[in-house]
Amino acid sequence: MNVTAYVYPSAKGPFWIVLRKTGRWHVLWEVEDLGSYHSPQAAVNDLAGGHTHWPTCGDPSQFGFPSELADWEPVERAVL
């Protein structure tokens, strides 16, 4: 089953917001899972504010993520 996921191409590589089979949205960078959220907008809010788990590449609040989900690219992707 495919659903809409969201991706943002940062200088550190793409960050993803994807739906897992648990029904929760997760922020991913490379193979790192940075947190679980009830909605994709909640994930964007925490990532833009640096309130997720920090990836090994540093503080996500310094990467210039847009705080509106509409500014992320929607992509069809399989539920993980």
PDB file of N, CA and C in Angstrom:
ATOM      1  N   MET A   1       0.837  -1.177   0.000  1.00  0.00           N
ATOM      2  CA  MET A   1       0.000   0.000   0.000  1.00  0.00           C
ATOM      3  C   MET A   1       0.885   1.245   0.000  1.00  0.00           C
ATOM      4  N   ASN A   2       0.612   2.174  -0.883  1.00  0.00           N
ATOM      5  CA  ASN A   2       1.342   3.431  -0.940  1.00  0.00           C
ATOM      6  C   ASN A   2       0.543   4.547  -0.293  1.00  0.00           C
ATOM      7  N   VAL A   3       1.235   5.443   0.376  1.00  0.00           N
ATOM      8  CA  VAL A   3       0.648   6.645   0.968  1.00  0.00           C
ATOM      9  C   VAL A   3       1.580   7.809   0.666  1.00  0.00           C
ATOM     10  N   THR A   4       1.110   8.995   0.939  1.00  0.00           N
ATOM     11  CA  THR A   4       1.957  10.155   0.746  1.00  0.00           C
ATOM     12  C   THR A   4       2.952  10.269   1.890  1.00  0.00           C
ATOM     13  N   ALA A   5       4.218  10.392   1.534  1.00  0.00           N
ATOM     14  CA  ALA A   5       5.281  10.710   2.476  1.00  0.00           C
ATOM     15  C   ALA A   5       5.754  12.110   2.091  1.00  0.00           C
ATOM     16  N   TYR A   6       6.644  12.661   2.866  1.00  0.00           N
ATOM     17  CA  TYR A   6       7.128  14.014   2.602  1.00  0.00           C
ATOM     18  C   TYR A   6       8.647  14.028   2.696  1.00  0.00           C
ATOM     19  N   VAL A   7       9.268  14.778   1.806  1.00  0.00           N
ATOM     20  CA  VAL A   7      10.733  14.847   1.792  1.00  0.00           C
ATOM     21  C   VAL A   7      11.158  16.304   1.651  1.00  0.00           C
ATOM     22  N   TYR A   8      12.291  16.617   2.315  1.00  0.00           N
ATOM     23  CA  TYR A   8      12.881  17.942   2.186  1.00  0.00           C
ATOM     24  C   TYR A   8      14.374  17.764   1.946  1.00  0.00           C
ATOM     25  N   PRO A   9      14.887  18.322   0.840  1.00  0.00           N
ATOM     26  CA  PRO A   9      16.308  18.159   0.503  1.00  0.00           C
ATOM     27  C   PRO A   9      17.185  19.175   1.231  1.00  0.00           C
ATOM     28  N   SER A  10      17.694  18.821   2.388  1.00  0.00           N
ATOM     29  CA  SER A  10      18.557  19.733   3.138  1.00  0.00           C
ATOM     30  C   SER A  10      19.999  19.628   2.640  1.00  0.00           C
ATOM     31  N   ALA A  11      20.846  20.515   3.119  1.00  0.00           N
ATOM     32  CA  ALA A  11      22.272  20.467   2.788  1.00  0.00           C
ATOM     33  C   ALA A  11      22.935  19.201   3.336  1.00  0.00           C
ATOM     34  N   LYS A  12      22.296  18.567   4.310  1.00  0.00           N
ATOM     35  CA  LYS A  12      22.826  17.343   4.919  1.00  0.00           C
ATOM     36  C   LYS A  12      22.229  16.088   4.280  1.00  0.00           C
ATOM     37  N   GLY A  13      21.447  16.265   3.241  1.00  0.00           N
ATOM     38  CA  GLY A  13      20.775  15.147   2.583  1.00  0.00           C
ATOM     39  C   GLY A  13      19.291  15.198   2.861  1.00  0.00           C
ATOM     40  N   PRO A  14      18.524  14.338   2.198  1.00  0.00           N
ATOM     41  CA  PRO A  14      17.076  14.390   2.352  1.00  0.00           C
ATOM     42  C   PRO A  14      16.606  13.929   3.736  1.00  0.00           C
ATOM     43  N   PHE A  15      15.643  14.649   4.264  1.00  0.00           N
ATOM     44  CA  PHE A  15      14.930  14.252   5.477  1.00  0.00           C
ATOM     45  C   PHE A  15      13.536  13.834   5.045  1.00  0.00           C
ATOM     46  N   TRP A  16      13.046  12.766   5.622  1.00  0.00           N
ATOM     47  CA  TRP A  16      11.750  12.193   5.253  1.00  0.00           C
ATOM     48  C   TRP A  16      10.796  12.217   6.435  1.00  0.00           C
ATOM     49  N   ILE A  17       9.514  12.342   6.128  1.00  0.00           N
ATOM     50  CA  ILE A  17       8.446  12.106   7.094  1.00  0.00           C
ATOM     51  C   ILE A  17       7.580  11.025   6.467  1.00  0.00           C
ATOM     52  N   VAL A  18       7.552   9.861   7.116  1.00  0.00           N
ATOM     53  CA  VAL A  18       6.895   8.689   6.541  1.00  0.00           C
ATOM     54  C   VAL A  18       5.952   8.052   7.551  1.00  0.00           C
ATOM     55  N   LEU A  19       4.922   7.403   7.026  1.00  0.00           N
ATOM     56  CA  LEU A  19       3.976   6.670   7.854  1.00  0.00           C
ATOM     57  C   LEU A  19       4.466   5.241   8.041  1.00  0.00           C
ATOM     58  N   ARG A  20       4.479   4.778   9.279  1.00  0.00           N
ATOM     59  CA  ARG A  20       4.854   3.394   9.587  1.00  0.00           C
ATOM     60  C   ARG A  20       3.586   2.558   9.780  1.00  0.00           C
ATOM     61  N   LYS A  21       3.739   1.263   9.787  1.00  0.00           N
ATOM     62  CA  LYS A  21       2.595   0.355   9.953  1.00  0.00           C
ATOM     63  C   LYS A  21       1.903   0.530  11.302  1.00  0.00           C
ATOM     64  N   THR A  22       2.569   1.159  12.251  1.00  0.00           N
ATOM     65  CA  THR A  22       1.979   1.421  13.569  1.00  0.00           C
ATOM     66  C   THR A  22       0.933   2.533  13.506  1.00  0.00           C
ATOM     67  N   GLY A  23       0.885   3.257  12.367  1.00  0.00           N
ATOM     68  CA  GLY A  23      -0.025   4.389  12.235  1.00  0.00           C
ATOM     69  C   GLY A  23       0.595   5.700  12.695  1.00  0.00           C
ATOM     70  N   ARG A  24       1.860   5.672  13.052  1.00  0.00           N
ATOM     71  CA  ARG A  24       2.573   6.868  13.503  1.00  0.00           C
ATOM     72  C   ARG A  24       3.487   7.374  12.388  1.00  0.00           C
ATOM     73  N   TRP A  25       3.688   8.681  12.368  1.00  0.00           N
ATOM     74  CA  TRP A  25       4.570   9.328  11.401  1.00  0.00           C
ATOM     75  C   TRP A  25       5.960   9.435  12.005  1.00  0.00           C
ATOM     76  N   HIS A  26       6.990   9.128  11.206  1.00  0.00           N
ATOM     77  CA  HIS A  26       8.369   9.148  11.685  1.00  0.00           C
ATOM     78  C   HIS A  26       9.212  10.083  10.844  1.00  0.00           C
ATOM     79  N   VAL A  27      10.133  10.778  11.505  1.00  0.00           N
ATOM     80  CA  VAL A  27      11.129  11.602  10.827  1.00  0.00           C
ATOM     81  C   VAL A  27      12.361  10.729  10.623  1.00  0.00           C
ATOM     82  N   LEU A  28      12.822  10.645   9.381  1.00  0.00           N
ATOM     83  CA  LEU A  28      13.980   9.820   9.055  1.00  0.00           C
ATOM     84  C   LEU A  28      15.055  10.652   8.368  1.00  0.00           C
ATOM     85  N   TRP A  29      16.296  10.357   8.703  1.00  0.00           N
ATOM     86  CA  TRP A  29      17.451  10.888   7.982  1.00  0.00           C
ATOM     87  C   TRP A  29      18.416   9.733   7.822  1.00  0.00           C
ATOM     88  N   GLU A  30      18.766   9.429   6.571  1.00  0.00           N
ATOM     89  CA  GLU A  30      19.569   8.255   6.245  1.00  0.00           C
ATOM     90  C   GLU A  30      18.911   7.045   6.925  1.00  0.00           C
ATOM     91  N   VAL A  31      19.593   6.347   7.815  1.00  0.00           N
ATOM     92  CA  VAL A  31      18.988   5.196   8.493  1.00  0.00           C
ATOM     93  C   VAL A  31      18.541   5.537   9.911  1.00  0.00           C
ATOM     94  N   GLU A  32      18.610   6.813  10.285  1.00  0.00           N
ATOM     95  CA  GLU A  32      18.272   7.232  11.641  1.00  0.00           C
ATOM     96  C   GLU A  32      16.805   7.637  11.749  1.00  0.00           C
ATOM     97  N   ASP A  33      16.120   7.068  12.742  1.00  0.00           N
ATOM     98  CA  ASP A  33      14.737   7.426  13.065  1.00  0.00           C
ATOM     99  C   ASP A  33      14.792   8.481  14.163  1.00  0.00           C
ATOM    100  N   LEU A  34      14.283   9.676  13.863  1.00  0.00           N
ATOM    101  CA  LEU A  34      14.436  10.805  14.779  1.00  0.00           C
ATOM    102  C   LEU A  34      13.217  11.056  15.664  1.00  0.00           C
ATOM    103  N   GLY A  35      12.172  10.252  15.519  1.00  0.00           N
ATOM    104  CA  GLY A  35      11.017  10.424  16.386  1.00  0.00           C
ATOM    105  C   GLY A  35       9.722   9.978  15.744  1.00  0.00           C
ATOM    106  N   SER A  36       8.718   9.782  16.576  1.00  0.00           N
ATOM    107  CA  SER A  36       7.404   9.281  16.189  1.00  0.00           C
ATOM    108  C   SER A  36       6.347  10.326  16.544  1.00  0.00           C
ATOM    109  N   TYR A  37       5.405  10.564  15.617  1.00  0.00           N
ATOM    110  CA  TYR A  37       4.428  11.649  15.783  1.00  0.00           C
ATOM    111  C   TYR A  37       3.033  11.207  15.348  1.00  0.00           C
ATOM    112  N   HIS A  38       2.014  11.898  15.862  1.00  0.00           N
ATOM    113  CA  HIS A  38       0.630  11.579  15.521  1.00  0.00           C
ATOM    114  C   HIS A  38       0.218  12.143  14.162  1.00  0.00           C
ATOM    115  N   SER A  39       0.982  13.117  13.638  1.00  0.00           N
ATOM    116  CA  SER A  39       0.651  13.697  12.335  1.00  0.00           C
ATOM    117  C   SER A  39       1.933  14.163  11.653  1.00  0.00           C
ATOM    118  N   PRO A  40       1.909  14.284  10.334  1.00  0.00           N
ATOM    119  CA  PRO A  40       3.109  14.783   9.658  1.00  0.00           C
ATOM    120  C   PRO A  40       3.415  16.237  10.026  1.00  0.00           C
ATOM    121  N   GLN A  41       2.411  17.059  10.271  1.00  0.00           N
ATOM    122  CA  GLN A  41       2.656  18.449  10.652  1.00  0.00           C
ATOM    123  C   GLN A  41       3.342  18.527  12.011  1.00  0.00           C
ATOM    124  N   ALA A  42       2.958  17.662  12.941  1.00  0.00           N
ATOM    125  CA  ALA A  42       3.623  17.630  14.252  1.00  0.00           C
ATOM    126  C   ALA A  42       5.099  17.262  14.093  1.00  0.00           C
ATOM    127  N   ALA A  43       5.387  16.356  13.175  1.00  0.00           N
ATOM    128  CA  ALA A  43       6.775  15.969  12.908  1.00  0.00           C
ATOM    129  C   ALA A  43       7.555  17.156  12.340  1.00  0.00           C
ATOM    130  N   VAL A  44       6.952  17.872  11.394  1.00  0.00           N
ATOM    131  CA  VAL A  44       7.599  19.054  10.806  1.00  0.00           C
ATOM    132  C   VAL A  44       7.863  20.105  11.880  1.00  0.00           C
ATOM    133  N   ASN A  45       6.895  20.348  12.740  1.00  0.00           N
ATOM    134  CA  ASN A  45       7.059  21.343  13.804  1.00  0.00           C
ATOM    135  C   ASN A  45       8.252  21.019  14.693  1.00  0.00           C
ATOM    136  N   ASP A  46       8.339  19.765  15.129  1.00  0.00           N
ATOM    137  CA  ASP A  46       9.445  19.384  16.011  1.00  0.00           C
ATOM    138  C   ASP A  46      10.783  19.411  15.282  1.00  0.00           C
ATOM    139  N   LEU A  47      10.810  18.970  14.037  1.00  0.00           N
ATOM    140  CA  LEU A  47      12.059  18.976  13.286  1.00  0.00           C
ATOM    141  C   LEU A  47      12.548  20.402  13.052  1.00  0.00           C
ATOM    142  N   ALA A  48      11.678  21.275  12.609  1.00  0.00           N
ATOM    143  CA  ALA A  48      12.058  22.670  12.340  1.00  0.00           C
ATOM    144  C   ALA A  48      12.537  23.369  13.608  1.00  0.00           C
ATOM    145  N   GLY A  49      11.984  22.989  14.749  1.00  0.00           N
ATOM    146  CA  GLY A  49      12.380  23.602  16.015  1.00  0.00           C
ATOM    147  C   GLY A  49      13.551  22.924  16.697  1.00  0.00           C
ATOM    148  N   GLY A  50      14.056  21.832  16.116  1.00  0.00           N
ATOM    149  CA  GLY A  50      15.172  21.107  16.733  1.00  0.00           C
ATOM    150  C   GLY A  50      14.763  20.275  17.922  1.00  0.00           C
ATOM    151  N   HIS A  51      13.470  19.876  17.970  1.00  0.00           N
ATOM    152  CA  HIS A  51      12.952  19.126  19.112  1.00  0.00           C
ATOM    153  C   HIS A  51      12.844  17.634  18.870  1.00  0.00           C
ATOM    154  N   THR A  52      13.331  17.156  17.725  1.00  0.00           N
ATOM    155  CA  THR A  52      13.391  15.717  17.482  1.00  0.00           C
ATOM    156  C   THR A  52      14.675  15.192  18.110  1.00  0.00           C
ATOM    157  N   HIS A  53      14.869  13.874  18.047  1.00  0.00           N
ATOM    158  CA  HIS A  53      16.199  13.349  18.355  1.00  0.00           C
ATOM    159  C   HIS A  53      17.129  13.968  17.317  1.00  0.00           C
ATOM    160  N   TRP A  54      18.304  14.348  17.716  1.00  0.00           N
ATOM    161  CA  TRP A  54      19.235  14.950  16.764  1.00  0.00           C
ATOM    162  C   TRP A  54      19.909  13.868  15.940  1.00  0.00           C
ATOM    163  N   PRO A  55      19.963  14.052  14.633  1.00  0.00           N
ATOM    164  CA  PRO A  55      20.726  13.117  13.813  1.00  0.00           C
ATOM    165  C   PRO A  55      22.217  13.326  14.052  1.00  0.00           C
ATOM    166  N   THR A  56      23.015  12.384  13.608  1.00  0.00           N
ATOM    167  CA  THR A  56      24.459  12.511  13.802  1.00  0.00           C
ATOM    168  C   THR A  56      25.044  13.690  13.034  1.00  0.00           C
ATOM    169  N   CYS A  57      24.298  14.268  12.099  1.00  0.00           N
ATOM    170  CA  CYS A  57      24.806  15.408  11.324  1.00  0.00           C
ATOM    171  C   CYS A  57      24.599  16.741  12.038  1.00  0.00           C
ATOM    172  N   GLY A  58      23.932  16.752  13.204  1.00  0.00           N
ATOM    173  CA  GLY A  58      23.833  17.983  13.980  1.00  0.00           C
ATOM    174  C   GLY A  58      22.431  18.426  14.334  1.00  0.00           C
ATOM    175  N   ASP A  59      22.323  19.661  14.775  1.00  0.00           N
ATOM    176  CA  ASP A  59      21.079  20.261  15.251  1.00  0.00           C
ATOM    177  C   ASP A  59      20.153  20.568  14.072  1.00  0.00           C
ATOM    178  N   PRO A  60      19.024  19.886  13.968  1.00  0.00           N
ATOM    179  CA  PRO A  60      18.136  20.108  12.829  1.00  0.00           C
ATOM    180  C   PRO A  60      17.542  21.514  12.771  1.00  0.00           C
ATOM    181  N   SER A  61      17.502  22.226  13.880  1.00  0.00           N
ATOM    182  CA  SER A  61      16.954  23.585  13.835  1.00  0.00           C
ATOM    183  C   SER A  61      17.865  24.537  13.064  1.00  0.00           C
ATOM    184  N   GLN A  62      19.087  24.116  12.793  1.00  0.00           N
ATOM    185  CA  GLN A  62      20.038  24.939  12.050  1.00  0.00           C
ATOM    186  C   GLN A  62      20.019  24.671  10.544  1.00  0.00           C
ATOM    187  N   PHE A  63      19.165  23.746  10.072  1.00  0.00           N
ATOM    188  CA  PHE A  63      19.174  23.336   8.666  1.00  0.00           C
ATOM    189  C   PHE A  63      18.161  24.081   7.802  1.00  0.00           C
ATOM    190  N   GLY A  64      17.384  24.977   8.402  1.00  0.00           N
ATOM    191  CA  GLY A  64      16.449  25.783   7.622  1.00  0.00           C
ATOM    192  C   GLY A  64      15.215  25.056   7.128  1.00  0.00           C
ATOM    193  N   PHE A  65      14.735  24.091   7.879  1.00  0.00           N
ATOM    194  CA  PHE A  65      13.521  23.381   7.474  1.00  0.00           C
ATOM    195  C   PHE A  65      12.320  24.308   7.501  1.00  0.00           C
ATOM    196  N   PRO A  66      11.467  24.240   6.491  1.00  0.00           N
ATOM    197  CA  PRO A  66      10.226  25.014   6.537  1.00  0.00           C
ATOM    198  C   PRO A  66       9.306  24.436   7.611  1.00  0.00           C
ATOM    199  N   SER A  67       8.556  25.298   8.264  1.00  0.00           N
ATOM    200  CA  SER A  67       7.679  24.843   9.343  1.00  0.00           C
ATOM    201  C   SER A  67       6.283  24.465   8.866  1.00  0.00           C
ATOM    202  N   GLU A  68       6.013  24.611   7.579  1.00  0.00           N
ATOM    203  CA  GLU A  68       4.716  24.227   7.015  1.00  0.00           C
ATOM    204  C   GLU A  68       4.871  22.984   6.151  1.00  0.00           C
ATOM    205  N   LEU A  69       4.041  21.998   6.397  1.00  0.00           N
ATOM    206  CA  LEU A  69       4.078  20.762   5.628  1.00  0.00           C
ATOM    207  C   LEU A  69       3.888  21.025   4.133  1.00  0.00           C
ATOM    208  N   ALA A  70       3.137  22.042   3.778  1.00  0.00           N
ATOM    209  CA  ALA A  70       2.892  22.376   2.374  1.00  0.00           C
ATOM    210  C   ALA A  70       4.180  22.728   1.637  1.00  0.00           C
ATOM    211  N   ASP A  71       5.238  23.087   2.378  1.00  0.00           N
ATOM    212  CA  ASP A  71       6.512  23.426   1.759  1.00  0.00           C
ATOM    213  C   ASP A  71       7.430  22.219   1.565  1.00  0.00           C
ATOM    214  N   TRP A  72       6.983  21.061   2.018  1.00  0.00           N
ATOM    215  CA  TRP A  72       7.712  19.813   1.813  1.00  0.00           C
ATOM    216  C   TRP A  72       7.180  19.157   0.544  1.00  0.00           C
ATOM    217  N   GLU A  73       8.010  18.361  -0.115  1.00  0.00           N
ATOM    218  CA  GLU A  73       7.583  17.691  -1.344  1.00  0.00           C
ATOM    219  C   GLU A  73       6.830  16.408  -1.010  1.00  0.00           C
ATOM    220  N   PRO A  74       5.586  16.260  -1.462  1.00  0.00           N
ATOM    221  CA  PRO A  74       4.870  15.005  -1.252  1.00  0.00           C
ATOM    222  C   PRO A  74       5.352  13.953  -2.247  1.00  0.00           C
ATOM    223  N   VAL A  75       5.499  12.730  -1.763  1.00  0.00           N
ATOM    224  CA  VAL A  75       6.000  11.615  -2.572  1.00  0.00           C
ATOM    225  C   VAL A  75       5.192  10.373  -2.204  1.00  0.00           C
ATOM    226  N   GLU A  76       4.763   9.618  -3.207  1.00  0.00           N
ATOM    227  CA  GLU A  76       4.100   8.352  -2.927  1.00  0.00           C
ATOM    228  C   GLU A  76       5.150   7.327  -2.506  1.00  0.00           C
ATOM    229  N   ARG A  77       4.876   6.656  -1.395  1.00  0.00           N
ATOM    230  CA  ARG A  77       5.863   5.712  -0.848  1.00  0.00           C
ATOM    231  C   ARG A  77       5.125   4.607  -0.104  1.00  0.00           C
ATOM    232  N   ALA A  78       5.705   3.431  -0.091  1.00  0.00           N
ATOM    233  CA  ALA A  78       5.113   2.308   0.629  1.00  0.00           C
ATOM    234  C   ALA A  78       5.170   2.569   2.131  1.00  0.00           C
ATOM    235  N   VAL A  79       4.164   2.085   2.847  1.00  0.00           N
ATOM    236  CA  VAL A  79       4.173   2.153   4.312  1.00  0.00           C
ATOM    237  C   VAL A  79       5.289   1.235   4.799  1.00  0.00           C
ATOM    238  N   LEU A  80       6.102   1.735   5.699  1.00  0.00           N
ATOM    239  CA  LEU A  80       7.246   0.951   6.205  1.00  0.00           C
ATOM    240  C   LEU A  80       6.879   0.100   7.385  1.00  0.00           C
TER     241      LEU A  80
END
